[in-house]
Protein backbone atom coordinates (compact mmCIF):
# COMPACT_ATOMS: atom_id res chain seq x y z
CA MET A 1 -16.45 3.96 21.32
CA GLN A 2 -12.65 4.41 21.41
CA ARG A 3 -12.32 2.87 17.93
CA LEU A 4 -14.90 5.29 16.63
CA TYR A 5 -13.04 8.19 18.27
CA CYS A 6 -9.72 7.09 16.77
CA ALA A 7 -11.23 6.73 13.31
CA SER A 8 -12.98 10.10 13.69
CA VAL A 9 -9.73 11.83 14.67
CA LEU A 10 -8.01 10.31 11.63
CA LEU A 11 -10.78 11.41 9.27
CA ILE A 12 -10.96 14.92 10.72
CA SER A 13 -7.18 15.27 10.45
CA LEU A 14 -7.23 14.07 6.86
CA ALA A 15 -10.04 16.43 5.92
CA SER A 16 -8.66 19.49 7.70
CA GLY A 17 -5.19 19.37 6.16
CA GLN A 18 -3.53 20.40 9.43
CA ALA A 19 0.16 21.28 9.06
CA ASN A 20 1.64 19.70 12.20
CA ALA A 21 4.46 17.31 11.25
CA LEU A 22 2.94 14.50 13.32
CA ASP A 23 -0.54 14.88 11.84
CA PRO A 24 -1.58 12.55 9.05
CA GLN A 25 -0.69 14.56 5.94
CA VAL A 26 -2.02 13.34 2.64
CA SER A 27 -1.17 14.53 -0.81
CA ALA A 28 -4.16 16.00 -2.59
CA PRO A 29 -4.42 14.09 -5.91
CA GLY A 30 -4.04 10.48 -4.75
CA LYS A 31 -4.91 11.03 -1.09
CA HIS A 32 -1.76 9.24 0.01
CA PHE A 33 0.17 10.04 3.17
CA GLU A 34 3.18 12.21 2.40
CA GLN A 35 5.50 10.83 5.10
CA ARG A 36 8.09 8.38 3.78
CA GLU A 37 10.04 7.30 6.88
CA GLY A 38 8.68 4.57 9.13
CA GLU A 39 8.94 6.61 12.33
CA ASN A 40 7.06 9.56 10.84
CA LEU A 41 4.36 7.27 9.45
CA PHE A 42 4.03 5.58 12.85
CA LYS A 43 3.65 8.94 14.59
CA ALA A 44 1.16 10.22 12.02
CA ILE A 45 -0.99 7.11 11.77
CA CYS A 46 -0.38 4.37 14.33
CA GLN A 47 0.35 6.06 17.65
CA GLY A 48 -3.11 7.63 17.84
CA CYS A 49 -4.57 4.20 18.61
CA HIS A 50 -1.60 2.04 19.59
CA MET A 51 -0.01 4.81 21.75
CA ALA A 52 3.39 6.50 21.46
CA GLN A 53 5.41 3.57 22.81
CA GLY A 54 3.26 0.97 21.06
CA GLN A 55 1.82 -0.17 24.38
CA GLY A 56 -1.74 -0.40 23.06
CA ALA A 57 -4.83 0.73 24.92
CA GLN A 58 -7.90 -0.65 26.66
CA GLY A 59 -11.13 1.17 27.36
CA ALA A 60 -14.22 1.48 25.25
CA GLY A 61 -12.22 -0.37 22.58
CA ALA A 62 -9.10 -2.51 22.54
CA TYR A 63 -5.97 -1.62 20.61
CA PRO A 64 -3.34 -4.36 20.72
CA ALA A 65 0.15 -3.59 21.90
CA LEU A 66 2.73 -3.39 19.17
CA ALA A 67 5.54 -3.26 21.75
CA ASN A 68 7.12 -6.61 22.62
CA ASN A 69 4.70 -8.35 20.29
CA PRO A 70 5.81 -11.82 19.11
CA ARG A 71 3.14 -11.76 16.36
CA LEU A 72 5.39 -9.28 14.53
CA SER A 73 8.18 -11.85 14.08
CA ALA A 74 7.05 -12.69 10.53
CA ASP A 75 6.63 -9.60 8.38
CA ALA A 76 3.54 -10.92 6.55
CA TYR A 77 1.22 -10.51 9.55
CA PRO A 78 1.83 -6.79 10.21
CA VAL A 79 2.01 -6.05 6.47
CA PHE A 80 -1.40 -7.67 6.03
CA MET A 81 -2.86 -5.75 8.98
CA VAL A 82 -1.59 -2.38 7.72
CA ALA A 83 -2.55 -3.02 4.11
CA GLN A 84 -5.86 -4.86 4.48
CA GLY A 85 -7.00 -4.11 8.03
CA GLN A 86 -9.20 -6.41 10.08
CA GLY A 87 -11.89 -5.88 12.69
CA GLY A 88 -11.39 -2.38 14.10
CA MET A 89 -8.09 -1.90 12.27
CA PRO A 90 -8.66 0.15 9.10
CA ALA A 91 -7.00 -0.79 5.82
CA PHE A 92 -4.30 1.67 4.73
CA LYS A 93 -3.57 0.14 1.31
CA GLY A 94 -5.40 3.00 -0.37
CA LEU A 95 -3.49 5.65 1.60
CA LEU A 96 0.04 4.21 1.58
CA ASP A 97 2.19 2.94 -1.26
CA ASP A 98 4.14 -0.31 -0.90
CA GLU A 99 7.34 1.45 0.19
CA GLN A 100 5.48 3.31 2.94
CA ILE A 101 3.88 0.09 4.17
CA ALA A 102 7.31 -1.56 4.27
CA ALA A 103 8.79 1.45 6.09
CA VAL A 104 6.17 1.64 8.83
CA VAL A 105 6.09 -2.12 9.39
CA THR A 106 9.89 -2.26 9.53
CA TYR A 107 9.80 0.57 12.10
CA ILE A 108 7.19 -1.22 14.23
CA ARG A 109 9.17 -4.49 14.09
CA THR A 110 12.43 -2.82 15.18
CA HIS A 111 11.25 -0.48 17.97
CA ASN A 112 9.52 -0.51 21.35
CA GLY A 113 11.01 -3.78 22.51
CA ASN A 114 10.72 -5.58 19.20
CA ALA A 115 13.99 -6.89 17.81
CA PHE A 116 12.90 -8.28 14.45
CA ASN A 117 15.73 -6.54 12.63
CA GLU A 118 15.19 -7.87 9.12
CA PRO A 119 13.68 -5.21 6.85
CA VAL A 120 10.29 -6.03 5.45
CA ASN A 121 10.53 -8.00 2.24
CA MET A 122 9.06 -5.97 -0.63
CA ALA A 123 7.90 -9.19 -2.31
CA THR A 124 5.73 -9.84 0.77
CA VAL A 125 4.28 -6.32 0.58
CA LYS A 126 3.54 -6.60 -3.13
CA ALA A 127 1.92 -10.02 -2.68
CA LEU A 128 -0.36 -8.72 0.08
CA THR A 129 -1.30 -5.46 -1.62
CA GLY A 130 -1.70 -6.96 -5.08
CA ARG A 131 0.33 -4.16 -6.69
């Protein structure tokens, strides 16, 4: 139920074109998110399900914690999850360009207790998005 709610909130926000800086803002022609910085992308897209500090959530659905998450040590795993999605995680490849994917994954890997300070490798992003 919580996954459905999260997806519904995202779709409603996308459709309504709300102007709040933290809302998911998409450009009209390509329907891509307009935010370019990792923190702004995280706030607009990720924190709705994974929470503001990346602590994740449990309830009707389960949203894994991004904070202190050893699975983020290699950039390929979070890049794949953001780009392709899996299970309840939607794919954002059609809504984010490669630079945005790299920015948000780099942000996630360097904040909320994660200390994987290497920026995401663009070759990894391009390989996993096929662009």
